[in-house]
Each structure stands twice: as structure tokens, then as C-alpha cells.
Amino acid sequence: MNCHVDGVDLDKDKVNNANEKLKRRQTKGFALCRTCNSHDITKKFREKTFDAVTIIHALHHLADLNAVLLKTR
């Protein structure tokens, strides 16, 4: 597969646990999880970095939903 997956979460423990699980898989280097919030997302990733964005269990936590969704374009 010619792709890369970036996971983002606010919880450092969840990010560390996810990365530990990913290290044990055969697809090492395929996915990486990072700690980040919606305000810092443009500092961590350049514009047009992603072909697709999936937001799961997060929309209700966002103070400015429109601003975050505009960043995913």
C-alpha cells in the first residue's frame, strides 16, 4: 500500500498506547499517532498534506467547528 496514516489526539497516554500497538504490527512506519489540538494543527502539518481527513468522536469538543472544518479542506 502506498499511503501513510497520521492519528491525532489530545491525550498523550492514548497516543503512546496507540504507537506501542503500531510498533508490534507488520506495517511499521505505515501509521503514526501524535498529540495535537485543533489550534496547533497548522503548525504540525503543512497545507494540503492530506488527501482525506476523518474526525471521530471529536466534533462535540470543538469550540469553533467551522474553523476546524475549514482547515481540513
C-alpha atoms as a PDB file:
ATOM      1  CA  MET A   1       0.000   0.000   0.000  1.00  0.00           C
ATOM      2  CA  ASN A   2       1.384   3.409  -0.927  1.00  0.00           C
ATOM      3  CA  CYS A   3      -0.054   5.553   1.851  1.00  0.00           C
ATOM      4  CA  HIS A   4       0.662   6.932   5.312  1.00  0.00           C
ATOM      5  CA  VAL A   5      -1.750   7.412   8.199  1.00  0.00           C
ATOM      6  CA  ASP A   6      -1.419  10.141  10.852  1.00  0.00           C
ATOM      7  CA  GLY A   7      -3.513   9.852  14.008  1.00  0.00           C
ATOM      8  CA  VAL A   8      -4.038  12.891  16.231  1.00  0.00           C
ATOM      9  CA  ASP A   9      -5.343  13.050  19.800  1.00  0.00           C
ATOM     10  CA  LEU A  10      -5.093  15.356  22.818  1.00  0.00           C
ATOM     11  CA  ASP A  11      -4.455  12.520  25.278  1.00  0.00           C
ATOM     12  CA  LYS A  12      -0.710  11.718  25.458  1.00  0.00           C
ATOM     13  CA  ASP A  13      -1.356   8.329  27.076  1.00  0.00           C
ATOM     14  CA  LYS A  14      -3.720   7.279  24.293  1.00  0.00           C
ATOM     15  CA  VAL A  15      -1.220   8.424  21.678  1.00  0.00           C
ATOM     16  CA  ASN A  16       1.587   6.488  23.383  1.00  0.00           C
ATOM     17  CA  ASN A  17      -0.574   3.353  23.669  1.00  0.00           C
ATOM     18  CA  ALA A  18      -1.553   3.576  20.003  1.00  0.00           C
ATOM     19  CA  ASN A  19       2.070   3.984  18.905  1.00  0.00           C
ATOM     20  CA  GLU A  20       3.124   0.985  21.030  1.00  0.00           C
ATOM     21  CA  LYS A  21       0.452  -1.154  19.370  1.00  0.00           C
ATOM     22  CA  LEU A  22       1.517   0.073  15.941  1.00  0.00           C
ATOM     23  CA  LYS A  23       5.153  -0.865  16.634  1.00  0.00           C
ATOM     24  CA  ARG A  24       4.115  -4.507  17.068  1.00  0.00           C
ATOM     25  CA  ARG A  25       2.357  -4.662  13.689  1.00  0.00           C
ATOM     26  CA  GLN A  26       3.876  -5.780  10.416  1.00  0.00           C
ATOM     27  CA  THR A  27       3.129  -2.413   8.821  1.00  0.00           C
ATOM     28  CA  LYS A  28       5.712  -0.443  10.821  1.00  0.00           C
ATOM     29  CA  GLY A  29       6.074   3.126   9.619  1.00  0.00           C
ATOM     30  CA  PHE A  30       2.652   2.961   7.988  1.00  0.00           C
ATOM     31  CA  ALA A  31       0.910   4.864  10.788  1.00  0.00           C
ATOM     32  CA  LEU A  32       1.983   7.360  13.443  1.00  0.00           C
ATOM     33  CA  CYS A  33      -0.063   8.971  16.193  1.00  0.00           C
ATOM     34  CA  ARG A  34       0.725  12.428  17.572  1.00  0.00           C
ATOM     35  CA  THR A  35      -0.516  14.693  20.322  1.00  0.00           C
ATOM     36  CA  CYS A  36      -2.092  17.813  18.852  1.00  0.00           C
ATOM     37  CA  ASN A  37      -5.078  20.114  19.264  1.00  0.00           C
ATOM     38  CA  SER A  38      -7.110  21.894  16.619  1.00  0.00           C
ATOM     39  CA  HIS A  39      -5.350  25.227  17.244  1.00  0.00           C
ATOM     40  CA  ASP A  40      -1.902  23.750  16.545  1.00  0.00           C
ATOM     41  CA  ILE A  41      -2.828  21.575  13.594  1.00  0.00           C
ATOM     42  CA  THR A  42      -1.470  24.076  11.050  1.00  0.00           C
ATOM     43  CA  LYS A  43       1.848  24.132  12.928  1.00  0.00           C
ATOM     44  CA  LYS A  44       2.171  20.324  12.808  1.00  0.00           C
ATOM     45  CA  PHE A  45       1.010  19.761   9.217  1.00  0.00           C
ATOM     46  CA  ARG A  46       1.510  21.790   6.053  1.00  0.00           C
ATOM     47  CA  GLU A  47      -1.446  22.857   3.957  1.00  0.00           C
ATOM     48  CA  LYS A  48      -2.690  20.167   1.533  1.00  0.00           C
ATOM     49  CA  THR A  49      -0.807  17.433   3.421  1.00  0.00           C
ATOM     50  CA  PHE A  50      -3.755  15.020   3.390  1.00  0.00           C
ATOM     51  CA  ASP A  51      -5.902  13.508   0.682  1.00  0.00           C
ATOM     52  CA  ALA A  52      -8.622  12.702   3.232  1.00  0.00           C
ATOM     53  CA  VAL A  53      -9.459  13.619   6.823  1.00  0.00           C
ATOM     54  CA  THR A  54     -11.619  11.606   9.230  1.00  0.00           C
ATOM     55  CA  ILE A  55     -12.779  13.153  12.509  1.00  0.00           C
ATOM     56  CA  ILE A  56     -14.164  10.640  15.016  1.00  0.00           C
ATOM     57  CA  HIS A  57     -15.587  11.361  18.484  1.00  0.00           C
ATOM     58  CA  ALA A  58     -14.311  14.938  18.429  1.00  0.00           C
ATOM     59  CA  LEU A  59     -16.747  17.372  16.848  1.00  0.00           C
ATOM     60  CA  HIS A  60     -18.684  17.980  20.072  1.00  0.00           C
ATOM     61  CA  HIS A  61     -15.422  19.036  21.792  1.00  0.00           C
ATOM     62  CA  LEU A  62     -14.579  21.783  19.297  1.00  0.00           C
ATOM     63  CA  ALA A  63     -15.201  25.385  20.307  1.00  0.00           C
ATOM     64  CA  ASP A  64     -15.110  26.613  16.690  1.00  0.00           C
ATOM     65  CA  LEU A  65     -16.309  23.780  14.496  1.00  0.00           C
ATOM     66  CA  ASN A  66     -16.360  25.900  11.325  1.00  0.00           C
ATOM     67  CA  ALA A  67     -12.705  26.940  11.731  1.00  0.00           C
ATOM     68  CA  VAL A  68     -11.586  23.332  12.198  1.00  0.00           C
ATOM     69  CA  LEU A  69     -13.581  22.081   9.237  1.00  0.00           C
ATOM     70  CA  LEU A  70     -12.197  24.856   7.036  1.00  0.00           C
ATOM     71  CA  LYS A  71      -8.658  23.711   7.950  1.00  0.00           C
ATOM     72  CA  THR A  72      -9.460  20.224   6.656  1.00  0.00           C
ATOM     73  CA  ARG A  73     -10.213  21.458   3.130  1.00  0.00           C
END
